[in-house]
Amino acid sequence: MIRNFTDLEAWQQAHRIALFVYKITRKYPRDEVFALTNQSRRAAASVGANIAEGFSRNTKKDKVHFYTIARGSLTELQNHILLARDLGYVAAADIAEIMKSSEWTVRLIAGLERSASDKN
């Protein structure tokens, strides 16, 4: 039974991704603190925050809006992670893990969007 946003698998996955992003970005070069580190962390945190906000909205239009933003933030994060990969900041195993997890989370968010659209 889903009673709170924390019960949503999409939010749980987004939270795990955010924690992982905070962990891996600690290893980024110091000169990236106000650039790629900050952008990656903000995008990662935005995913779960927008899922939570969408969950609390009453209209399907509002729900879909915030779930769509969450999906966009996750796509933005994927871009930042690929850039970090190409700059040599992230290990291949970490890239594989976060990309696999983020692809699954995109599907979960899309499910939330469909579910919200199907409601009256």
Protein backbone atom coordinates (compact mmCIF):
# COMPACT_ATOMS: atom_id res chain seq x y z
CA MET A 1 0.00 0.00 0.00
CA ILE A 2 1.34 3.40 -1.01
CA ARG A 3 0.71 5.91 1.77
CA ASN A 4 3.67 8.25 1.42
CA PHE A 5 6.05 9.25 -1.34
CA THR A 6 8.74 7.18 0.37
CA ASP A 7 6.68 4.07 -0.43
CA LEU A 8 7.13 4.68 -4.16
CA GLU A 9 9.80 2.49 -5.74
CA ALA A 10 10.67 5.37 -8.08
CA TRP A 11 11.43 7.64 -5.12
CA GLN A 12 13.44 4.88 -3.38
CA GLN A 13 15.55 4.38 -6.50
CA ALA A 14 15.99 8.14 -6.94
CA HIS A 15 17.13 8.41 -3.33
CA ARG A 16 19.70 5.63 -3.81
CA ILE A 17 20.97 7.35 -6.95
CA ALA A 18 21.32 10.68 -5.12
CA LEU A 19 23.27 9.05 -2.29
CA PHE A 20 25.53 7.34 -4.84
CA VAL A 21 26.08 10.60 -6.74
CA TYR A 22 27.07 12.39 -3.55
CA LYS A 23 29.53 9.57 -2.84
CA ILE A 24 31.19 9.52 -6.26
CA THR A 25 31.34 13.29 -6.65
CA ARG A 26 33.50 13.50 -3.51
CA LYS A 27 36.27 12.12 -5.73
CA TYR A 28 35.91 14.81 -8.41
CA PRO A 29 38.72 17.37 -8.68
CA ARG A 30 38.47 20.32 -6.33
CA ASP A 31 38.13 22.76 -9.23
CA GLU A 32 34.81 21.04 -10.15
CA VAL A 33 33.15 21.81 -6.79
CA PHE A 34 31.15 24.74 -8.17
CA ALA A 35 30.68 23.19 -11.59
CA LEU A 36 30.14 19.51 -12.37
CA THR A 37 30.03 18.38 -8.73
CA ASN A 38 27.34 20.90 -7.84
CA GLN A 39 25.35 20.35 -11.03
CA SER A 40 25.40 16.57 -10.64
CA ARG A 41 24.30 16.74 -7.02
CA ARG A 42 21.52 19.22 -7.76
CA ALA A 43 20.19 17.11 -10.63
CA ALA A 44 20.33 13.95 -8.49
CA ALA A 45 18.54 15.60 -5.56
CA SER A 46 15.92 17.07 -7.89
CA VAL A 47 14.74 13.65 -9.07
CA GLY A 48 13.48 12.48 -5.68
CA ALA A 49 12.26 15.94 -4.70
CA ASN A 50 10.06 16.21 -7.78
CA ILE A 51 8.70 12.68 -7.33
CA ALA A 52 7.78 13.65 -3.75
CA GLU A 53 6.16 16.88 -4.87
CA GLY A 54 4.23 15.18 -7.64
CA PHE A 55 2.97 12.58 -5.19
CA SER A 56 1.48 15.30 -2.99
CA ARG A 57 -0.31 17.14 -5.79
CA ASN A 58 -4.05 16.69 -6.22
CA THR A 59 -4.59 17.09 -9.95
CA LYS A 60 -3.34 14.71 -12.60
CA LYS A 61 -1.92 17.66 -14.55
CA ASP A 62 0.19 18.74 -11.55
CA LYS A 63 1.29 15.17 -10.80
CA VAL A 64 2.38 14.57 -14.39
CA HIS A 65 4.16 17.94 -14.46
CA PHE A 66 6.38 17.11 -11.47
CA TYR A 67 7.01 13.52 -12.58
CA THR A 68 8.08 14.89 -15.97
CA ILE A 69 10.49 17.29 -14.28
CA ALA A 70 11.90 14.37 -12.26
CA ARG A 71 12.50 12.42 -15.47
CA GLY A 72 14.18 15.44 -17.03
CA SER A 73 16.45 15.87 -14.00
CA LEU A 74 17.43 12.23 -14.24
CA THR A 75 18.30 12.63 -17.91
CA GLU A 76 20.34 15.73 -17.01
CA LEU A 77 22.17 13.67 -14.39
CA GLN A 78 22.92 10.95 -16.94
CA ASN A 79 24.50 13.62 -19.14
CA HIS A 80 26.64 14.90 -16.24
CA ILE A 81 27.77 11.36 -15.41
CA LEU A 82 28.77 10.70 -19.02
CA LEU A 83 30.74 13.94 -19.06
CA ALA A 84 32.45 12.93 -15.81
CA ARG A 85 33.25 9.57 -17.40
CA ASP A 86 34.80 11.22 -20.43
CA LEU A 87 36.84 13.50 -18.18
CA GLY A 88 38.10 10.46 -16.26
CA TYR A 89 36.44 11.36 -12.95
CA VAL A 90 34.34 8.22 -12.49
CA ALA A 91 35.32 4.54 -12.53
CA ALA A 92 33.77 2.35 -15.23
CA ALA A 93 32.03 0.15 -12.63
CA ASP A 94 30.41 3.21 -11.06
CA ILE A 95 29.27 4.44 -14.48
CA ALA A 96 27.69 1.06 -15.24
CA GLU A 97 25.91 0.98 -11.89
CA ILE A 98 24.48 4.47 -12.06
CA MET A 99 23.43 4.21 -15.70
CA LYS A 100 21.64 0.90 -15.11
CA SER A 101 19.92 2.27 -12.02
CA SER A 102 18.96 5.51 -13.73
CA GLU A 103 17.52 3.72 -16.77
CA TRP A 104 15.33 1.63 -14.45
CA THR A 105 14.27 4.75 -12.57
CA VAL A 106 13.30 6.49 -15.82
CA ARG A 107 10.93 3.59 -16.51
CA LEU A 108 9.49 3.79 -12.99
CA ILE A 109 8.89 7.53 -13.36
CA ALA A 110 7.24 6.98 -16.73
CA GLY A 111 4.93 4.53 -14.96
CA LEU A 112 4.03 7.21 -12.42
CA GLU A 113 3.27 9.59 -15.27
CA ARG A 114 1.02 7.03 -16.97
CA SER A 115 -0.71 6.19 -13.70
CA ALA A 116 -1.38 9.85 -12.92
CA SER A 117 -2.69 10.43 -16.48
CA ASP A 118 -5.10 7.50 -16.16
CA LYS A 119 -6.77 8.92 -13.05
CA ASN A 120 -9.90 11.06 -13.29
